[in-house]
């Protein structure tokens, strides 16, 4: 899940092939990004709006994030995570 927020209109450019870094996952994400559902406007009646000042995501996701981090580091070596 990706959250993108801006006070102005968001404009996306077409990706350059080198930005895929030979990854099919990156290629799919970049090439199909504009076709994915994007929330264009907010409706405060749906729920609380997250802002820099009002952001509880870190607390809500902390335990699952730590578990995920641990599992992923057991599955893949450190070299997998470094893109230098």
C-alpha atoms as a PDB file:
ATOM      1  CA  UNK A   1       0.000   0.000   0.000  1.00  0.00           C
ATOM      2  CA  UNK A   2       1.318   3.409  -0.919  1.00  0.00           C
ATOM      3  CA  UNK A   3       0.057   6.729   0.414  1.00  0.00           C
ATOM      4  CA  UNK A   4       0.670   9.762  -1.767  1.00  0.00           C
ATOM      5  CA  UNK A   5      -0.461  13.182  -0.661  1.00  0.00           C
ATOM      6  CA  UNK A   6      -0.057  16.660  -2.045  1.00  0.00           C
ATOM      7  CA  UNK A   7      -1.620  20.090  -1.741  1.00  0.00           C
ATOM      8  CA  UNK A   8      -1.474  20.387  -5.520  1.00  0.00           C
ATOM      9  CA  UNK A   9      -2.325  18.211  -8.509  1.00  0.00           C
ATOM     10  CA  UNK A  10      -0.167  15.115  -8.928  1.00  0.00           C
ATOM     11  CA  UNK A  11       1.376  14.550 -12.341  1.00  0.00           C
ATOM     12  CA  UNK A  12       3.066  11.270 -13.216  1.00  0.00           C
ATOM     13  CA  UNK A  13       5.570  10.679 -15.977  1.00  0.00           C
ATOM     14  CA  UNK A  14       6.191   7.477 -17.885  1.00  0.00           C
ATOM     15  CA  UNK A  15       9.021   5.471 -16.316  1.00  0.00           C
ATOM     16  CA  UNK A  16      12.405   5.021 -17.951  1.00  0.00           C
ATOM     17  CA  UNK A  17      13.460   1.369 -18.504  1.00  0.00           C
ATOM     18  CA  UNK A  18      16.535   1.769 -16.258  1.00  0.00           C
ATOM     19  CA  UNK A  19      14.196   2.604 -13.345  1.00  0.00           C
ATOM     20  CA  UNK A  20      12.933  -0.991 -13.355  1.00  0.00           C
ATOM     21  CA  UNK A  21      16.364  -2.170 -12.148  1.00  0.00           C
ATOM     22  CA  UNK A  22      15.776  -5.476 -13.987  1.00  0.00           C
ATOM     23  CA  UNK A  23      12.865  -6.228 -11.637  1.00  0.00           C
ATOM     24  CA  UNK A  24       9.539  -7.454 -13.001  1.00  0.00           C
ATOM     25  CA  UNK A  25       7.806  -6.291  -9.807  1.00  0.00           C
ATOM     26  CA  UNK A  26       9.129  -2.748 -10.310  1.00  0.00           C
ATOM     27  CA  UNK A  27       8.208  -2.865 -14.006  1.00  0.00           C
ATOM     28  CA  UNK A  28       4.630  -3.874 -13.169  1.00  0.00           C
ATOM     29  CA  UNK A  29       4.324  -1.274 -10.420  1.00  0.00           C
ATOM     30  CA  UNK A  30       5.665   1.575 -12.571  1.00  0.00           C
ATOM     31  CA  UNK A  31       3.904   0.637 -15.808  1.00  0.00           C
ATOM     32  CA  UNK A  32       0.492   0.055 -14.217  1.00  0.00           C
ATOM     33  CA  UNK A  33       0.550   2.725 -11.527  1.00  0.00           C
ATOM     34  CA  UNK A  34      -1.794   5.120 -13.292  1.00  0.00           C
ATOM     35  CA  UNK A  35      -4.369   2.372 -13.860  1.00  0.00           C
ATOM     36  CA  UNK A  36      -4.591   1.580 -10.154  1.00  0.00           C
ATOM     37  CA  UNK A  37      -7.278   3.081  -7.957  1.00  0.00           C
ATOM     38  CA  UNK A  38      -6.236   6.456  -6.610  1.00  0.00           C
ATOM     39  CA  UNK A  39      -8.299   8.388  -4.114  1.00  0.00           C
ATOM     40  CA  UNK A  40      -8.725  11.750  -5.812  1.00  0.00           C
ATOM     41  CA  UNK A  41     -10.627  13.550  -3.072  1.00  0.00           C
ATOM     42  CA  UNK A  42     -11.191  12.973   0.610  1.00  0.00           C
ATOM     43  CA  UNK A  43     -14.509  12.589   2.335  1.00  0.00           C
ATOM     44  CA  UNK A  44     -14.055  13.309   6.080  1.00  0.00           C
ATOM     45  CA  UNK A  45     -17.297  11.467   6.881  1.00  0.00           C
ATOM     46  CA  UNK A  46     -15.590   8.191   5.854  1.00  0.00           C
ATOM     47  CA  UNK A  47     -13.086   8.420   8.686  1.00  0.00           C
ATOM     48  CA  UNK A  48     -10.150  10.251  10.157  1.00  0.00           C
ATOM     49  CA  UNK A  49      -7.829  11.986   7.676  1.00  0.00           C
ATOM     50  CA  UNK A  50      -4.162  11.174   8.187  1.00  0.00           C
ATOM     51  CA  UNK A  51      -1.785  14.124   8.240  1.00  0.00           C
ATOM     52  CA  UNK A  52       1.794  14.664   9.412  1.00  0.00           C
ATOM     53  CA  UNK A  53       0.405  15.908  12.723  1.00  0.00           C
ATOM     54  CA  UNK A  54      -2.338  13.225  13.017  1.00  0.00           C
ATOM     55  CA  UNK A  55      -0.739   9.953  11.938  1.00  0.00           C
ATOM     56  CA  UNK A  56      -1.345   6.790  13.937  1.00  0.00           C
ATOM     57  CA  UNK A  57      -0.190   4.358  11.232  1.00  0.00           C
ATOM     58  CA  UNK A  58       3.202   3.799  12.821  1.00  0.00           C
ATOM     59  CA  UNK A  59       1.632   2.689  16.104  1.00  0.00           C
ATOM     60  CA  UNK A  60      -1.026   0.583  14.390  1.00  0.00           C
ATOM     61  CA  UNK A  61       1.507  -1.250  12.219  1.00  0.00           C
ATOM     62  CA  UNK A  62       4.441  -1.572  14.619  1.00  0.00           C
ATOM     63  CA  UNK A  63       3.922  -5.178  15.763  1.00  0.00           C
ATOM     64  CA  UNK A  64       3.174  -6.575  12.301  1.00  0.00           C
ATOM     65  CA  UNK A  65       6.049  -4.584  10.818  1.00  0.00           C
ATOM     66  CA  UNK A  66       8.528  -6.067  13.267  1.00  0.00           C
ATOM     67  CA  UNK A  67       7.265  -9.599  12.572  1.00  0.00           C
ATOM     68  CA  UNK A  68       7.400  -9.045   8.802  1.00  0.00           C
ATOM     69  CA  UNK A  69      10.929  -7.588   9.052  1.00  0.00           C
ATOM     70  CA  UNK A  70      12.139 -10.595  11.031  1.00  0.00           C
ATOM     71  CA  UNK A  71      10.612 -13.134   8.635  1.00  0.00           C
ATOM     72  CA  UNK A  72      11.891 -11.393   5.509  1.00  0.00           C
ATOM     73  CA  UNK A  73      15.427 -11.210   6.929  1.00  0.00           C
ATOM     74  CA  UNK A  74      15.320 -14.961   7.539  1.00  0.00           C
ATOM     75  CA  UNK A  75      14.180 -15.609   3.954  1.00  0.00           C
ATOM     76  CA  UNK A  76      16.670 -13.415   2.117  1.00  0.00           C
ATOM     77  CA  UNK A  77      20.339 -12.549   2.734  1.00  0.00           C
ATOM     78  CA  UNK A  78      21.489  -8.973   3.355  1.00  0.00           C
ATOM     79  CA  UNK A  79      22.767  -8.738  -0.228  1.00  0.00           C
ATOM     80  CA  UNK A  80      19.193  -9.133  -1.472  1.00  0.00           C
ATOM     81  CA  UNK A  81      18.126  -5.896   0.259  1.00  0.00           C
ATOM     82  CA  UNK A  82      21.045  -3.727  -0.940  1.00  0.00           C
ATOM     83  CA  UNK A  83      20.547  -2.103  -4.380  1.00  0.00           C
ATOM     84  CA  UNK A  84      23.934  -0.456  -4.845  1.00  0.00           C
END
